[in-house]
C-alpha atoms as a PDB file:
ATOM      1  CA  MET A   1       0.000   0.000   0.000  1.00  0.00           C
ATOM      2  CA  SER A   2       1.219   3.487  -0.846  1.00  0.00           C
ATOM      3  CA  GLY A   3      -0.671   5.436   1.844  1.00  0.00           C
ATOM      4  CA  LYS A   4      -1.887   7.859  -0.824  1.00  0.00           C
ATOM      5  CA  ARG A   5      -4.470  10.284   0.560  1.00  0.00           C
ATOM      6  CA  GLU A   6      -7.213  11.742  -1.647  1.00  0.00           C
ATOM      7  CA  ILE A   7     -10.399  13.677  -0.967  1.00  0.00           C
ATOM      8  CA  VAL A   8     -13.603  12.625  -2.724  1.00  0.00           C
ATOM      9  CA  PHE A   9     -15.993  15.554  -2.599  1.00  0.00           C
ATOM     10  CA  ASP A  10     -19.208  17.065  -3.913  1.00  0.00           C
ATOM     11  CA  THR A  11     -20.962  20.403  -3.692  1.00  0.00           C
ATOM     12  CA  GLU A  12     -24.592  21.455  -3.881  1.00  0.00           C
ATOM     13  CA  THR A  13     -25.326  24.911  -5.243  1.00  0.00           C
ATOM     14  CA  THR A  14     -28.177  27.309  -6.005  1.00  0.00           C
ATOM     15  CA  GLY A  15     -27.564  26.983  -9.748  1.00  0.00           C
ATOM     16  CA  PHE A  16     -24.912  26.833 -12.448  1.00  0.00           C
ATOM     17  CA  ASP A  17     -23.415  30.343 -12.530  1.00  0.00           C
ATOM     18  CA  ALA A  18     -20.370  30.069 -10.282  1.00  0.00           C
ATOM     19  CA  LYS A  19     -19.023  33.516 -11.095  1.00  0.00           C
ATOM     20  CA  GLY A  20     -22.436  35.164 -11.020  1.00  0.00           C
ATOM     21  CA  ALA A  21     -25.275  35.052  -8.507  1.00  0.00           C
ATOM     22  CA  ASP A  22     -25.150  31.362  -7.585  1.00  0.00           C
ATOM     23  CA  ARG A  23     -23.533  30.072  -4.413  1.00  0.00           C
ATOM     24  CA  ILE A  24     -22.586  26.803  -2.704  1.00  0.00           C
ATOM     25  CA  THR A  25     -25.161  25.459  -0.239  1.00  0.00           C
ATOM     26  CA  GLU A  26     -23.409  22.260   0.893  1.00  0.00           C
ATOM     27  CA  ILE A  27     -19.929  20.720   0.800  1.00  0.00           C
ATOM     28  CA  GLY A  28     -19.251  17.055   1.527  1.00  0.00           C
ATOM     29  CA  CYS A  29     -15.766  15.543   1.620  1.00  0.00           C
ATOM     30  CA  ILE A  30     -14.662  11.940   2.226  1.00  0.00           C
ATOM     31  CA  GLU A  31     -11.048  11.110   3.034  1.00  0.00           C
ATOM     32  CA  ILE A  32      -9.727   8.007   1.286  1.00  0.00           C
ATOM     33  CA  ILE A  33      -6.316   6.394   1.655  1.00  0.00           C
ATOM     34  CA  ASP A  34      -5.249   3.848  -0.949  1.00  0.00           C
ATOM     35  CA  LEU A  35      -8.749   4.289  -2.465  1.00  0.00           C
ATOM     36  CA  LEU A  36     -10.589   3.194   0.691  1.00  0.00           C
ATOM     37  CA  PRO A  37     -12.579   5.512   3.004  1.00  0.00           C
ATOM     38  CA  THR A  38     -10.994   6.117   6.405  1.00  0.00           C
ATOM     39  CA  GLY A  39     -14.135   7.453   8.096  1.00  0.00           C
ATOM     40  CA  GLU A  40     -12.771  11.017   8.234  1.00  0.00           C
ATOM     41  CA  GLN A  41     -15.162  13.559   6.692  1.00  0.00           C
ATOM     42  CA  PHE A  42     -15.709  17.265   6.244  1.00  0.00           C
ATOM     43  CA  HIS A  43     -19.331  18.281   5.855  1.00  0.00           C
ATOM     44  CA  THR A  44     -21.089  21.613   6.126  1.00  0.00           C
ATOM     45  CA  TYR A  45     -24.268  23.349   5.013  1.00  0.00           C
ATOM     46  CA  LEU A  46     -23.810  26.958   3.945  1.00  0.00           C
ATOM     47  CA  ASP A  47     -26.022  30.012   3.905  1.00  0.00           C
ATOM     48  CA  PRO A  48     -25.934  31.193   0.268  1.00  0.00           C
ATOM     49  CA  GLU A  49     -27.246  34.613   1.315  1.00  0.00           C
ATOM     50  CA  ARG A  50     -29.917  34.386  -1.362  1.00  0.00           C
ATOM     51  CA  ASP A  51     -33.057  32.417  -2.113  1.00  0.00           C
ATOM     52  CA  VAL A  52     -32.787  28.835  -3.355  1.00  0.00           C
ATOM     53  CA  PRO A  53     -34.840  28.308  -6.561  1.00  0.00           C
ATOM     54  CA  ASP A  54     -37.748  25.873  -6.273  1.00  0.00           C
ATOM     55  CA  LYS A  55     -36.295  23.614  -8.976  1.00  0.00           C
ATOM     56  CA  VAL A  56     -33.074  23.287  -6.979  1.00  0.00           C
ATOM     57  CA  VAL A  57     -35.006  22.515  -3.798  1.00  0.00           C
ATOM     58  CA  GLU A  58     -36.719  19.650  -5.647  1.00  0.00           C
ATOM     59  CA  ILE A  59     -33.281  18.160  -6.383  1.00  0.00           C
ATOM     60  CA  THR A  60     -31.418  18.792  -3.131  1.00  0.00           C
ATOM     61  CA  GLY A  61     -34.158  19.272  -0.555  1.00  0.00           C
ATOM     62  CA  LEU A  62     -32.236  22.293   0.789  1.00  0.00           C
ATOM     63  CA  THR A  63     -34.642  25.190   1.261  1.00  0.00           C
ATOM     64  CA  THR A  64     -33.921  28.865   1.826  1.00  0.00           C
ATOM     65  CA  GLU A  65     -35.400  28.570   5.310  1.00  0.00           C
ATOM     66  CA  PHE A  66     -33.208  25.580   6.238  1.00  0.00           C
ATOM     67  CA  LEU A  67     -30.006  27.274   5.068  1.00  0.00           C
ATOM     68  CA  ARG A  68     -30.706  30.703   6.532  1.00  0.00           C
ATOM     69  CA  GLY A  69     -28.451  31.249   9.531  1.00  0.00           C
ATOM     70  CA  LYS A  70     -26.017  28.451   8.627  1.00  0.00           C
ATOM     71  CA  ALA A  71     -22.326  29.323   8.353  1.00  0.00           C
ATOM     72  CA  LYS A  72     -21.256  31.397   5.387  1.00  0.00           C
ATOM     73  CA  PHE A  73     -18.578  30.038   3.069  1.00  0.00           C
ATOM     74  CA  LYS A  74     -15.928  32.480   4.289  1.00  0.00           C
ATOM     75  CA  GLU A  75     -16.490  31.163   7.820  1.00  0.00           C
ATOM     76  CA  GLN A  76     -15.809  27.561   6.725  1.00  0.00           C
ATOM     77  CA  ALA A  77     -13.171  28.222   4.053  1.00  0.00           C
ATOM     78  CA  GLN A  78     -10.117  27.677   6.263  1.00  0.00           C
ATOM     79  CA  ALA A  79     -11.547  24.493   7.790  1.00  0.00           C
ATOM     80  CA  PHE A  80     -12.205  23.162   4.289  1.00  0.00           C
ATOM     81  CA  LEU A  81      -8.681  24.024   3.119  1.00  0.00           C
ATOM     82  CA  ASP A  82      -7.149  22.482   6.246  1.00  0.00           C
ATOM     83  CA  PHE A  83      -9.042  19.234   5.636  1.00  0.00           C
ATOM     84  CA  VAL A  84      -8.060  19.057   1.965  1.00  0.00           C
ATOM     85  CA  GLY A  85      -4.441  20.109   2.362  1.00  0.00           C
ATOM     86  CA  GLN A  86      -2.367  19.492  -0.759  1.00  0.00           C
ATOM     87  CA  ASP A  87      -4.093  16.219  -1.639  1.00  0.00           C
ATOM     88  CA  THR A  88      -6.034  15.439  -4.796  1.00  0.00           C
ATOM     89  CA  LEU A  89      -9.697  16.452  -4.911  1.00  0.00           C
ATOM     90  CA  VAL A  90     -11.792  13.827  -6.695  1.00  0.00           C
ATOM     91  CA  ALA A  91     -15.167  14.927  -8.077  1.00  0.00           C
ATOM     92  CA  HIS A  92     -17.673  13.862 -10.709  1.00  0.00           C
ATOM     93  CA  ASN A  93     -17.661  16.530 -13.414  1.00  0.00           C
ATOM     94  CA  ALA A  94     -14.882  18.188 -11.437  1.00  0.00           C
ATOM     95  CA  ARG A  95     -14.873  21.348 -13.555  1.00  0.00           C
ATOM     96  CA  PHE A  96     -18.258  22.291 -12.086  1.00  0.00           C
ATOM     97  CA  ASP A  97     -17.197  21.815  -8.450  1.00  0.00           C
ATOM     98  CA  GLU A  98     -13.795  23.380  -9.078  1.00  0.00           C
ATOM     99  CA  GLY A  99     -15.463  26.459 -10.540  1.00  0.00           C
ATOM    100  CA  PHE A 100     -17.700  26.956  -7.521  1.00  0.00           C
ATOM    101  CA  ILE A 101     -15.061  26.189  -4.888  1.00  0.00           C
ATOM    102  CA  ASN A 102     -12.558  28.555  -6.437  1.00  0.00           C
ATOM    103  CA  ALA A 103     -15.113  31.319  -7.014  1.00  0.00           C
ATOM    104  CA  GLU A 104     -16.104  31.130  -3.343  1.00  0.00           C
ATOM    105  CA  LEU A 105     -12.469  31.043  -2.211  1.00  0.00           C
ATOM    106  CA  VAL A 106     -11.620  34.142  -4.212  1.00  0.00           C
ATOM    107  CA  ARG A 107     -14.646  35.991  -2.809  1.00  0.00           C
ATOM    108  CA  ALA A 108     -13.500  35.034   0.691  1.00  0.00           C
ATOM    109  CA  GLY A 109      -9.989  36.380   0.033  1.00  0.00           C
ATOM    110  CA  TYR A 110      -8.197  33.052  -0.517  1.00  0.00           C
ATOM    111  CA  ASP A 111      -6.121  31.821  -3.440  1.00  0.00           C
ATOM    112  CA  PRO A 112      -7.893  29.385  -5.784  1.00  0.00           C
ATOM    113  CA  ILE A 113      -6.958  25.707  -5.739  1.00  0.00           C
ATOM    114  CA  PRO A 114      -4.929  24.841  -8.875  1.00  0.00           C
ATOM    115  CA  SER A 115      -6.686  22.756 -11.520  1.00  0.00           C
ATOM    116  CA  SER A 116      -3.914  20.183 -11.299  1.00  0.00           C
ATOM    117  CA  GLN A 117      -5.164  19.239  -7.819  1.00  0.00           C
ATOM    118  CA  PHE A 118      -8.554  18.096  -9.167  1.00  0.00           C
ATOM    119  CA  LYS A 119      -9.353  14.702 -10.669  1.00  0.00           C
ATOM    120  CA  ASP A 120     -12.521  14.113 -12.695  1.00  0.00           C
ATOM    121  CA  THR A 121     -14.271  10.737 -12.410  1.00  0.00           C
ATOM    122  CA  LEU A 122     -16.601  11.686 -15.263  1.00  0.00           C
ATOM    123  CA  ALA A 123     -13.599  11.886 -17.589  1.00  0.00           C
ATOM    124  CA  MET A 124     -12.332   8.569 -16.206  1.00  0.00           C
ATOM    125  CA  ALA A 125     -15.684   6.898 -16.849  1.00  0.00           C
ATOM    126  CA  ASN A 126     -15.969   8.306 -20.367  1.00  0.00           C
ATOM    127  CA  ALA A 127     -12.488   6.989 -21.161  1.00  0.00           C
ATOM    128  CA  GLN A 128     -13.249   3.508 -19.778  1.00  0.00           C
ATOM    129  CA  PHE A 129     -16.788   3.202 -21.161  1.00  0.00           C
ATOM    130  CA  PRO A 130     -16.984   5.399 -24.262  1.00  0.00           C
ATOM    131  CA  GLY A 131     -20.521   6.020 -25.445  1.00  0.00           C
ATOM    132  CA  SER A 132     -22.111   4.649 -22.268  1.00  0.00           C
ATOM    133  CA  PRO A 133     -24.066   6.691 -19.681  1.00  0.00           C
ATOM    134  CA  ALA A 134     -21.617   8.138 -17.183  1.00  0.00           C
ATOM    135  CA  SER A 135     -23.731   9.952 -14.611  1.00  0.00           C
ATOM    136  CA  LEU A 136     -23.100   9.034 -10.976  1.00  0.00           C
ATOM    137  CA  ASP A 137     -26.383   7.104 -10.884  1.00  0.00           C
ATOM    138  CA  ALA A 138     -25.516   5.224 -14.072  1.00  0.00           C
ATOM    139  CA  LEU A 139     -22.097   4.256 -12.733  1.00  0.00           C
ATOM    140  CA  CYS A 140     -23.604   3.057  -9.457  1.00  0.00           C
ATOM    141  CA  ARG A 141     -25.927   0.811 -11.452  1.00  0.00           C
ATOM    142  CA  ARG A 142     -23.044  -0.425 -13.604  1.00  0.00           C
ATOM    143  CA  PHE A 143     -21.002  -1.386 -10.539  1.00  0.00           C
ATOM    144  CA  ASP A 144     -23.996  -2.680  -8.544  1.00  0.00           C
ATOM    145  CA  ILE A 145     -23.594  -0.010  -5.857  1.00  0.00           C
ATOM    146  CA  SER A 146     -26.750   0.486  -3.821  1.00  0.00           C
ATOM    147  CA  LEU A 147     -28.545   3.830  -4.174  1.00  0.00           C
ATOM    148  CA  SER A 148     -30.851   3.081  -1.249  1.00  0.00           C
ATOM    149  CA  SER A 149     -29.254   5.790   0.906  1.00  0.00           C
ATOM    150  CA  ARG A 150     -30.128   8.502  -1.567  1.00  0.00           C
ATOM    151  CA  ASP A 151     -33.560  10.072  -2.034  1.00  0.00           C
ATOM    152  CA  LYS A 152     -32.224  13.567  -2.816  1.00  0.00           C
ATOM    153  CA  HIS A 153     -28.920  14.827  -4.155  1.00  0.00           C
ATOM    154  CA  GLY A 154     -26.784  15.573  -1.109  1.00  0.00           C
ATOM    155  CA  ALA A 155     -23.099  16.423  -1.016  1.00  0.00           C
ATOM    156  CA  ILE A 156     -22.055  13.926   1.659  1.00  0.00           C
ATOM    157  CA  VAL A 157     -24.211  11.060   0.330  1.00  0.00           C
ATOM    158  CA  ASP A 158     -23.017  11.653  -3.215  1.00  0.00           C
ATOM    159  CA  SER A 159     -19.409  11.765  -1.996  1.00  0.00           C
ATOM    160  CA  GLU A 160     -19.841   8.366  -0.349  1.00  0.00           C
ATOM    161  CA  LEU A 161     -21.309   6.950  -3.562  1.00  0.00           C
ATOM    162  CA  LEU A 162     -18.548   8.539  -5.614  1.00  0.00           C
ATOM    163  CA  ALA A 163     -15.889   7.028  -3.336  1.00  0.00           C
ATOM    164  CA  ALA A 164     -17.360   3.610  -4.156  1.00  0.00           C
ATOM    165  CA  VAL A 165     -17.428   4.388  -7.889  1.00  0.00           C
ATOM    166  CA  TYR A 166     -13.869   5.750  -7.793  1.00  0.00           C
ATOM    167  CA  LEU A 167     -12.664   2.500  -6.244  1.00  0.00           C
ATOM    168  CA  GLU A 168     -14.282   0.541  -9.086  1.00  0.00           C
ATOM    169  CA  LEU A 169     -12.886   2.859 -11.746  1.00  0.00           C
ATOM    170  CA  ASN A 170      -9.458   2.064 -10.339  1.00  0.00           C
ATOM    171  CA  GLY A 171      -9.967  -1.696 -10.532  1.00  0.00           C
ATOM    172  CA  GLY A 172     -11.803  -2.442  -7.308  1.00  0.00           C
ATOM    173  CA  ARG A 173     -10.428  -3.831  -4.060  1.00  0.00           C
ATOM    174  CA  ALA A 174      -9.044  -6.878  -5.877  1.00  0.00           C
ATOM    175  CA  ARG A 175      -6.464  -4.624  -7.507  1.00  0.00           C
ATOM    176  CA  LEU A 176      -5.323  -3.451  -4.090  1.00  0.00           C
ATOM    177  CA  LEU A 177      -4.826  -7.049  -2.997  1.00  0.00           C
ATOM    178  CA  GLY A 178      -2.928  -8.023  -6.134  1.00  0.00           C
ATOM    179  CA  LEU A 179      -5.809 -10.147  -7.383  1.00  0.00           C
ATOM    180  CA  ASP A 180      -6.559  -8.194 -10.537  1.00  0.00           C
ATOM    181  CA  GLY A 181      -5.960 -11.086 -12.917  1.00  0.00           C
ATOM    182  CA  GLU A 182      -8.369 -11.740 -15.744  1.00  0.00           C
ATOM    183  CA  LYS A 183     -10.623 -13.965 -13.626  1.00  0.00           C
ATOM    184  CA  ALA A 184     -10.546 -11.854 -10.471  1.00  0.00           C
ATOM    185  CA  LYS A 185     -13.813 -10.136  -9.602  1.00  0.00           C
ATOM    186  CA  PRO A 186     -13.229  -6.750  -7.934  1.00  0.00           C
ATOM    187  CA  HIS A 187     -14.797  -6.419  -4.502  1.00  0.00           C
ATOM    188  CA  ASN A 188     -16.296  -3.145  -3.330  1.00  0.00           C
ATOM    189  CA  PRO A 189     -17.610  -2.737   0.223  1.00  0.00           C
ATOM    190  CA  TYR A 190     -20.386  -0.530  -1.162  1.00  0.00           C
ATOM    191  CA  ARG A 191     -21.739  -3.171  -3.533  1.00  0.00           C
ATOM    192  CA  ASN A 192     -25.322  -4.287  -3.018  1.00  0.00           C
ATOM    193  CA  ALA A 193     -24.812  -7.660  -1.384  1.00  0.00           C
ATOM    194  CA  SER A 194     -28.517  -8.553  -1.273  1.00  0.00           C
ATOM    195  CA  ALA A 195     -28.515  -9.594  -4.901  1.00  0.00           C
ATOM    196  CA  SER A 196     -26.057 -12.445  -4.312  1.00  0.00           C
ATOM    197  CA  MET A 197     -26.832 -13.583  -0.755  1.00  0.00           C
ATOM    198  CA  ALA A 198     -29.236 -16.489  -0.231  1.00  0.00           C
ATOM    199  CA  ARG A 199     -31.922 -15.805   2.351  1.00  0.00           C
ATOM    200  CA  GLN A 200     -32.200 -18.242   5.253  1.00  0.00           C
ATOM    201  CA  ARG A 201     -35.617 -19.824   5.824  1.00  0.00           C
ATOM    202  CA  PRO A 202     -37.264 -18.494   8.993  1.00  0.00           C
ATOM    203  CA  THR A 203     -38.425 -22.056   9.786  1.00  0.00           C
ATOM    204  CA  ALA A 204     -36.482 -25.157   8.749  1.00  0.00           C
ATOM    205  CA  LEU A 205     -38.263 -27.642   6.497  1.00  0.00           C
ATOM    206  CA  PRO A 206     -39.413 -30.825   8.297  1.00  0.00           C
ATOM    207  CA  SER A 207     -37.454 -34.029   7.695  1.00  0.00           C
ATOM    208  CA  SER A 208     -38.781 -36.216   4.895  1.00  0.00           C
ATOM    209  CA  LEU A 209     -37.392 -39.407   6.516  1.00  0.00           C
ATOM    210  CA  THR A 210     -39.842 -41.965   7.856  1.00  0.00           C
ATOM    211  CA  GLU A 211     -39.273 -43.434  11.308  1.00  0.00           C
ATOM    212  CA  ALA A 212     -38.390 -46.806   9.703  1.00  0.00           C
ATOM    213  CA  GLU A 213     -35.761 -45.167   7.502  1.00  0.00           C
ATOM    214  CA  ARG A 214     -34.259 -43.317  10.475  1.00  0.00           C
ATOM    215  CA  LEU A 215     -33.953 -46.512  12.520  1.00  0.00           C
ATOM    216  CA  ALA A 216     -32.470 -48.397   9.582  1.00  0.00           C
ATOM    217  CA  HIS A 217     -29.842 -45.711   9.173  1.00  0.00           C
ATOM    218  CA  LYS A 218     -29.027 -45.793  12.888  1.00  0.00           C
ATOM    219  CA  GLU A 219     -28.523 -49.561  12.733  1.00  0.00           C
ATOM    220  CA  PHE A 220     -26.232 -49.158   9.725  1.00  0.00           C
ATOM    221  CA  ILE A 221     -24.099 -46.593  11.571  1.00  0.00           C
ATOM    222  CA  ALA A 222     -23.868 -48.901  14.585  1.00  0.00           C
ATOM    223  CA  SER A 223     -22.647 -51.718  12.366  1.00  0.00           C
ATOM    224  CA  LEU A 224     -19.597 -49.663  11.381  1.00  0.00           C
ATOM    225  CA  GLY A 225     -18.039 -49.951  14.845  1.00  0.00           C
ATOM    226  CA  GLU A 226     -17.541 -47.638  17.785  1.00  0.00           C
ATOM    227  CA  ASP A 227     -14.359 -46.017  16.425  1.00  0.00           C
ATOM    228  CA  MET A 228     -16.141 -44.446  13.466  1.00  0.00           C
ATOM    229  CA  ILE A 229     -16.384 -40.660  13.667  1.00  0.00           C
ATOM    230  CA  TRP A 230     -20.089 -40.817  12.908  1.00  0.00           C
ATOM    231  CA  GLN A 231     -20.631 -42.649  16.208  1.00  0.00           C
ATOM    232  CA  LYS A 232     -19.222 -39.651  18.062  1.00  0.00           C
ATOM    233  CA  TYR A 233     -21.434 -37.291  16.067  1.00  0.00           C
ATOM    234  CA  TRP A 234     -24.583 -39.284  16.727  1.00  0.00           C
ATOM    235  CA  SER A 235     -23.791 -39.584  20.448  1.00  0.00           C
ATOM    236  CA  ARG A 236     -23.477 -35.773  20.692  1.00  0.00           C
ATOM    237  CA  GLN A 237     -26.828 -35.438  18.935  1.00  0.00           C
ATOM    238  CA  GLY A 238     -28.433 -37.739  21.490  1.00  0.00           C
ATOM    239  CA  GLN A 239     -29.403 -40.279  18.856  1.00  0.00           C
END
């Protein structure tokens, strides 16, 4: 393992005009080391100091009333920069998030983060699966990553999903373990396990053996001698 630290992140905003009237309403960051989440996060809601359009509320669930009184970006900027440090920022359609983060940083009196520090998973997906849908939802479906935790677009939830997608785009956990041969199936802790796990019956099926068959079998076991391992098993079962 290399110990490489990266930050998978997402932002929610009031719209698309980073350099105009739109502002960030939520930032969610997930720390990963060697492609796996460590549990360390940075998450904050932000007061955009403006109304949130109804169409945006339908997508994010973040209303003007909910965000009013939350911290402003300039009040969280240093904490965000301290969490990120000099490590790579991984985002889906990173140009969008980069534009908003840097516009907010400049307004708050900070230097922008260089473009070289951002990595775009959308570009990675388009390169690996040309012509195929490459939205975050589409990639979750491709890699069998459960979307059950998501009913609205949220920065921290989407960052967690993106961390799972980013792992798959880099070959899955099997690559980390040196098992990335042709027949190796990458393992992702975010995969939806319910599709492959057999469900246990709540009540066991009754035995189909008749009493005569059970006794005949017991006699056969006895005929094998006391040293047979099956004798020890049957004695423990109280047979």
